[in-house]
C-alpha atoms as a PDB file:
ATOM      1  CA  MET A   1     -20.534 -23.335 -67.811  1.00  0.00           C
ATOM      2  CA  VAL A   2     -22.275 -25.056 -64.492  1.00  0.00           C
ATOM      3  CA  GLU A   3     -21.175 -23.354 -60.962  1.00  0.00           C
ATOM      4  CA  ASN A   4     -19.820 -25.764 -58.675  1.00  0.00           C
ATOM      5  CA  LEU A   5     -22.083 -24.919 -55.427  1.00  0.00           C
ATOM      6  CA  LEU A   6     -19.932 -27.839 -53.666  1.00  0.00           C
ATOM      7  CA  ARG A   7     -16.385 -25.754 -53.705  1.00  0.00           C
ATOM      8  CA  PRO A   8     -16.256 -23.006 -51.018  1.00  0.00           C
ATOM      9  CA  GLU A   9     -16.197 -18.824 -52.092  1.00  0.00           C
ATOM     10  CA  PRO A  10     -12.295 -18.013 -52.752  1.00  0.00           C
ATOM     11  CA  THR A  11     -10.770 -16.834 -49.441  1.00  0.00           C
ATOM     12  CA  LEU A  12      -9.466 -12.913 -49.965  1.00  0.00           C
ATOM     13  CA  LEU A  13      -7.310 -11.853 -46.947  1.00  0.00           C
ATOM     14  CA  PRO A  14      -7.004  -7.539 -46.917  1.00  0.00           C
ATOM     15  CA  ALA A  15      -3.997  -5.883 -47.630  1.00  0.00           C
ATOM     16  CA  GLU A  16      -0.999  -5.135 -46.107  1.00  0.00           C
ATOM     17  CA  PRO A  17      -0.090  -1.880 -47.765  1.00  0.00           C
ATOM     18  CA  GLU A  18       2.015  -0.761 -44.419  1.00  0.00           C
ATOM     19  CA  VAL A  19       3.871  -4.549 -44.766  1.00  0.00           C
ATOM     20  CA  ALA A  20       4.515  -4.905 -48.013  1.00  0.00           C
ATOM     21  CA  ALA A  21       5.924  -1.604 -48.139  1.00  0.00           C
ATOM     22  CA  ALA A  22       7.861  -2.120 -45.406  1.00  0.00           C
ATOM     23  CA  LEU A  23       9.653  -5.139 -46.829  1.00  0.00           C
ATOM     24  CA  ALA A  24       9.827  -3.885 -50.182  1.00  0.00           C
ATOM     25  CA  ALA A  25      12.342  -0.861 -48.249  1.00  0.00           C
ATOM     26  CA  ALA A  26      13.754  -3.065 -46.114  1.00  0.00           C
ATOM     27  CA  ASP A  27      17.123  -5.112 -46.274  1.00  0.00           C
ATOM     28  CA  ASP A  28      16.322  -6.831 -43.587  1.00  0.00           C
ATOM     29  CA  PRO A  29      12.369  -8.559 -42.484  1.00  0.00           C
ATOM     30  CA  GLU A  30      13.454  -9.193 -38.947  1.00  0.00           C
ATOM     31  CA  PRO A  31      12.764  -4.891 -37.859  1.00  0.00           C
ATOM     32  CA  VAL A  32       9.374  -5.804 -39.985  1.00  0.00           C
ATOM     33  CA  VAL A  33       8.199  -8.686 -38.157  1.00  0.00           C
ATOM     34  CA  ARG A  34       9.092  -6.560 -35.103  1.00  0.00           C
ATOM     35  CA  ALA A  35       6.527  -3.916 -35.977  1.00  0.00           C
ATOM     36  CA  HIS A  36       3.949  -6.238 -38.106  1.00  0.00           C
ATOM     37  CA  PRO A  37       3.765  -9.919 -35.466  1.00  0.00           C
ATOM     38  CA  ASP A  38       0.577 -10.898 -37.329  1.00  0.00           C
ATOM     39  CA  SER A  39       1.843 -10.833 -40.551  1.00  0.00           C
ATOM     40  CA  SER A  40       2.647 -13.444 -42.376  1.00  0.00           C
ATOM     41  CA  ALA A  41       4.558 -11.869 -45.648  1.00  0.00           C
ATOM     42  CA  ALA A  42       6.699 -10.934 -42.818  1.00  0.00           C
ATOM     43  CA  TRP A  43       7.498 -14.486 -41.009  1.00  0.00           C
ATOM     44  CA  ALA A  44       7.628 -15.783 -44.284  1.00  0.00           C
ATOM     45  CA  ALA A  45      10.403 -12.742 -45.494  1.00  0.00           C
ATOM     46  CA  LEU A  46      12.390 -13.371 -41.839  1.00  0.00           C
ATOM     47  CA  ALA A  47      11.960 -17.940 -42.975  1.00  0.00           C
ATOM     48  CA  GLU A  48      13.180 -16.979 -47.009  1.00  0.00           C
ATOM     49  CA  ARG A  49      16.053 -14.960 -45.672  1.00  0.00           C
ATOM     50  CA  ALA A  50      17.408 -17.648 -42.946  1.00  0.00           C
ATOM     51  CA  ALA A  51      16.322 -20.535 -45.326  1.00  0.00           C
ATOM     52  CA  ALA A  52      19.011 -18.533 -47.982  1.00  0.00           C
ATOM     53  CA  GLN A  53      21.419 -18.353 -45.037  1.00  0.00           C
ATOM     54  CA  GLY A  54      21.714 -22.224 -44.550  1.00  0.00           C
ATOM     55  CA  ARG A  55      19.517 -21.791 -41.122  1.00  0.00           C
ATOM     56  CA  GLU A  56      17.862 -24.683 -41.613  1.00  0.00           C
ATOM     57  CA  ILE A  57      15.712 -24.869 -38.183  1.00  0.00           C
ATOM     58  CA  GLU A  58      15.791 -21.077 -37.974  1.00  0.00           C
ATOM     59  CA  ALA A  59      13.997 -20.987 -41.386  1.00  0.00           C
ATOM     60  CA  TYR A  60      11.549 -24.033 -39.993  1.00  0.00           C
ATOM     61  CA  ALA A  61      10.790 -22.120 -36.602  1.00  0.00           C
ATOM     62  CA  PHE A  62       9.940 -18.770 -38.724  1.00  0.00           C
ATOM     63  CA  ALA A  63       7.830 -20.478 -41.527  1.00  0.00           C
ATOM     64  CA  ARG A  64       6.235 -22.046 -38.931  1.00  0.00           C
ATOM     65  CA  VAL A  65       5.601 -18.501 -37.331  1.00  0.00           C
ATOM     66  CA  GLY A  66       4.126 -17.336 -40.464  1.00  0.00           C
ATOM     67  CA  TYR A  67       1.639 -20.303 -41.346  1.00  0.00           C
ATOM     68  CA  HIS A  68      -0.166 -19.609 -38.101  1.00  0.00           C
ATOM     69  CA  ARG A  69      -0.549 -16.557 -38.147  1.00  0.00           C
ATOM     70  CA  GLY A  70      -1.800 -16.969 -42.011  1.00  0.00           C
ATOM     71  CA  LEU A  71      -3.986 -19.408 -40.657  1.00  0.00           C
ATOM     72  CA  ASP A  72      -5.440 -17.123 -38.484  1.00  0.00           C
ATOM     73  CA  ALA A  73      -5.775 -14.192 -40.921  1.00  0.00           C
ATOM     74  CA  LEU A  74      -7.818 -16.784 -43.051  1.00  0.00           C
ATOM     75  CA  ARG A  75     -10.013 -17.823 -40.400  1.00  0.00           C
ATOM     76  CA  ARG A  76     -10.931 -14.475 -39.648  1.00  0.00           C
ATOM     77  CA  ALA A  77     -11.094 -13.741 -43.173  1.00  0.00           C
ATOM     78  CA  GLY A  78     -13.792 -16.995 -43.565  1.00  0.00           C
ATOM     79  CA  TRP A  79     -11.848 -19.463 -44.511  1.00  0.00           C
ATOM     80  CA  ARG A  80     -12.471 -22.734 -42.974  1.00  0.00           C
ATOM     81  CA  GLY A  81      -9.806 -25.515 -43.564  1.00  0.00           C
ATOM     82  CA  ALA A  82     -10.192 -25.974 -47.045  1.00  0.00           C
ATOM     83  CA  GLY A  83     -11.177 -23.468 -50.403  1.00  0.00           C
ATOM     84  CA  PRO A  84      -9.528 -21.679 -52.366  1.00  0.00           C
ATOM     85  CA  VAL A  85      -7.171 -19.408 -51.824  1.00  0.00           C
ATOM     86  CA  PRO A  86      -6.097 -17.606 -54.900  1.00  0.00           C
ATOM     87  CA  TRP A  87      -2.169 -16.171 -55.413  1.00  0.00           C
ATOM     88  CA  SER A  88      -3.563 -13.811 -57.723  1.00  0.00           C
ATOM     89  CA  HIS A  89      -4.687 -11.944 -54.927  1.00  0.00           C
ATOM     90  CA  GLU A  90      -1.725 -10.145 -53.743  1.00  0.00           C
ATOM     91  CA  PRO A  91      -2.737 -10.389 -50.269  1.00  0.00           C
ATOM     92  CA  ASN A  92      -2.860 -14.398 -50.261  1.00  0.00           C
ATOM     93  CA  ARG A  93       0.828 -14.620 -50.708  1.00  0.00           C
ATOM     94  CA  GLY A  94       2.145 -14.081 -47.697  1.00  0.00           C
ATOM     95  CA  VAL A  95       0.228 -17.025 -46.236  1.00  0.00           C
ATOM     96  CA  LEU A  96       0.954 -19.112 -49.395  1.00  0.00           C
ATOM     97  CA  ARG A  97       4.674 -18.027 -49.222  1.00  0.00           C
ATOM     98  CA  ALA A  98       4.383 -19.203 -45.403  1.00  0.00           C
ATOM     99  CA  VAL A  99       2.757 -22.066 -46.279  1.00  0.00           C
ATOM    100  CA  PHE A 100       5.649 -22.650 -49.405  1.00  0.00           C
ATOM    101  CA  ALA A 101       8.557 -22.162 -46.636  1.00  0.00           C
ATOM    102  CA  LEU A 102       8.018 -24.406 -44.229  1.00  0.00           C
ATOM    103  CA  ARG A 103       7.209 -27.468 -46.684  1.00  0.00           C
ATOM    104  CA  ARG A 104      10.402 -26.410 -47.544  1.00  0.00           C
ATOM    105  CA  ALA A 105      12.040 -26.117 -44.580  1.00  0.00           C
ATOM    106  CA  ALA A 106      10.164 -29.372 -43.232  1.00  0.00           C
ATOM    107  CA  ALA A 107      11.753 -31.239 -46.343  1.00  0.00           C
ATOM    108  CA  GLY A 108      14.943 -29.776 -44.963  1.00  0.00           C
ATOM    109  CA  ILE A 109      14.981 -31.345 -41.489  1.00  0.00           C
ATOM    110  CA  GLY A 110      13.433 -35.076 -42.968  1.00  0.00           C
ATOM    111  CA  GLU A 111       9.820 -34.248 -42.099  1.00  0.00           C
ATOM    112  CA  SER A 112       8.536 -36.091 -44.661  1.00  0.00           C
ATOM    113  CA  THR A 113       4.648 -36.605 -43.647  1.00  0.00           C
ATOM    114  CA  GLU A 114       4.576 -32.541 -43.337  1.00  0.00           C
ATOM    115  CA  VAL A 115       5.583 -32.117 -46.399  1.00  0.00           C
ATOM    116  CA  GLU A 116       3.689 -33.922 -47.720  1.00  0.00           C
ATOM    117  CA  ARG A 117       0.555 -32.272 -45.804  1.00  0.00           C
ATOM    118  CA  LEU A 118       1.847 -28.462 -46.649  1.00  0.00           C
ATOM    119  CA  GLY A 119       2.237 -29.479 -50.210  1.00  0.00           C
ATOM    120  CA  ALA A 120      -1.715 -31.017 -49.867  1.00  0.00           C
ATOM    121  CA  LEU A 121      -2.496 -27.569 -48.258  1.00  0.00           C
ATOM    122  CA  LEU A 122      -0.857 -25.505 -50.924  1.00  0.00           C
ATOM    123  CA  SER A 123      -1.783 -27.384 -53.743  1.00  0.00           C
ATOM    124  CA  ASP A 124      -6.067 -27.104 -52.639  1.00  0.00           C
ATOM    125  CA  ALA A 125      -5.216 -23.363 -51.603  1.00  0.00           C
ATOM    126  CA  ASP A 126      -4.339 -22.496 -55.642  1.00  0.00           C
ATOM    127  CA  PRO A 127      -2.532 -25.458 -57.495  1.00  0.00           C
ATOM    128  CA  GLY A 128      -0.037 -23.059 -59.610  1.00  0.00           C
ATOM    129  CA  ALA A 129       1.010 -21.332 -56.319  1.00  0.00           C
ATOM    130  CA  ALA A 130       4.058 -23.663 -55.216  1.00  0.00           C
ATOM    131  CA  GLU A 131       4.777 -22.901 -59.010  1.00  0.00           C
ATOM    132  CA  ALA A 132       4.727 -19.224 -59.161  1.00  0.00           C
ATOM    133  CA  ILE A 133       6.564 -18.636 -55.633  1.00  0.00           C
ATOM    134  CA  GLU A 134       9.282 -21.238 -57.375  1.00  0.00           C
ATOM    135  CA  ALA A 135       9.549 -19.097 -60.470  1.00  0.00           C
ATOM    136  CA  ASP A 136       9.846 -15.903 -57.821  1.00  0.00           C
ATOM    137  CA  GLY A 137      12.500 -17.821 -56.444  1.00  0.00           C
ATOM    138  CA  GLY A 138      11.046 -18.103 -53.341  1.00  0.00           C
ATOM    139  CA  SER A 139      11.158 -14.808 -51.975  1.00  0.00           C
ATOM    140  CA  ALA A 140       8.860 -12.485 -50.165  1.00  0.00           C
ATOM    141  CA  GLY A 141      10.328  -9.766 -51.631  1.00  0.00           C
ATOM    142  CA  PRO A 142      13.512  -7.775 -52.142  1.00  0.00           C
ATOM    143  CA  SER A 143      14.207  -8.025 -48.339  1.00  0.00           C
ATOM    144  CA  ALA A 144      14.223 -12.057 -48.591  1.00  0.00           C
ATOM    145  CA  ALA A 145      17.878 -12.562 -49.672  1.00  0.00           C
ATOM    146  CA  GLY A 146      18.382  -9.109 -47.730  1.00  0.00           C
ATOM    147  CA  SER A 147      22.010  -9.011 -46.035  1.00  0.00           C
ATOM    148  CA  SER A 148      23.875 -11.509 -44.587  1.00  0.00           C
ATOM    149  CA  GLY A 149      24.363  -9.870 -41.820  1.00  0.00           C
ATOM    150  CA  SER A 150      23.216 -11.672 -37.769  1.00  0.00           C
ATOM    151  CA  ARG A 151      20.055 -11.016 -36.758  1.00  0.00           C
END
């Protein structure tokens, strides 16, 4: 098999075991975001919860923060703006979920150019990520649907 020398190596983010444990245990992702504001996984969970509650603008804003936190983390890990960010590497799922949530929220407010750009970014990162997130209900975990109480 011939190796593609032009494609960058996959970017693999470090694990966030505290964030994963907190999200798994939380009914509401907001305290997790407060404790871990740099975590794209926490912001994605908050965005997904807002979206599930019909709060489109908040979902967009939360997803946008998660997207930027994710880009920061990817760059720290050596990502140069393109290349594989495999869904199969679980620590990458937070940023991929944030991109997915932002794309969905952008669609909800009619931002079609952003939907296309984010779709291309997600596909470039991992062509199967969107399908995997959709199969999982677009959820960052048990806290995404969470309680419907106010923030």
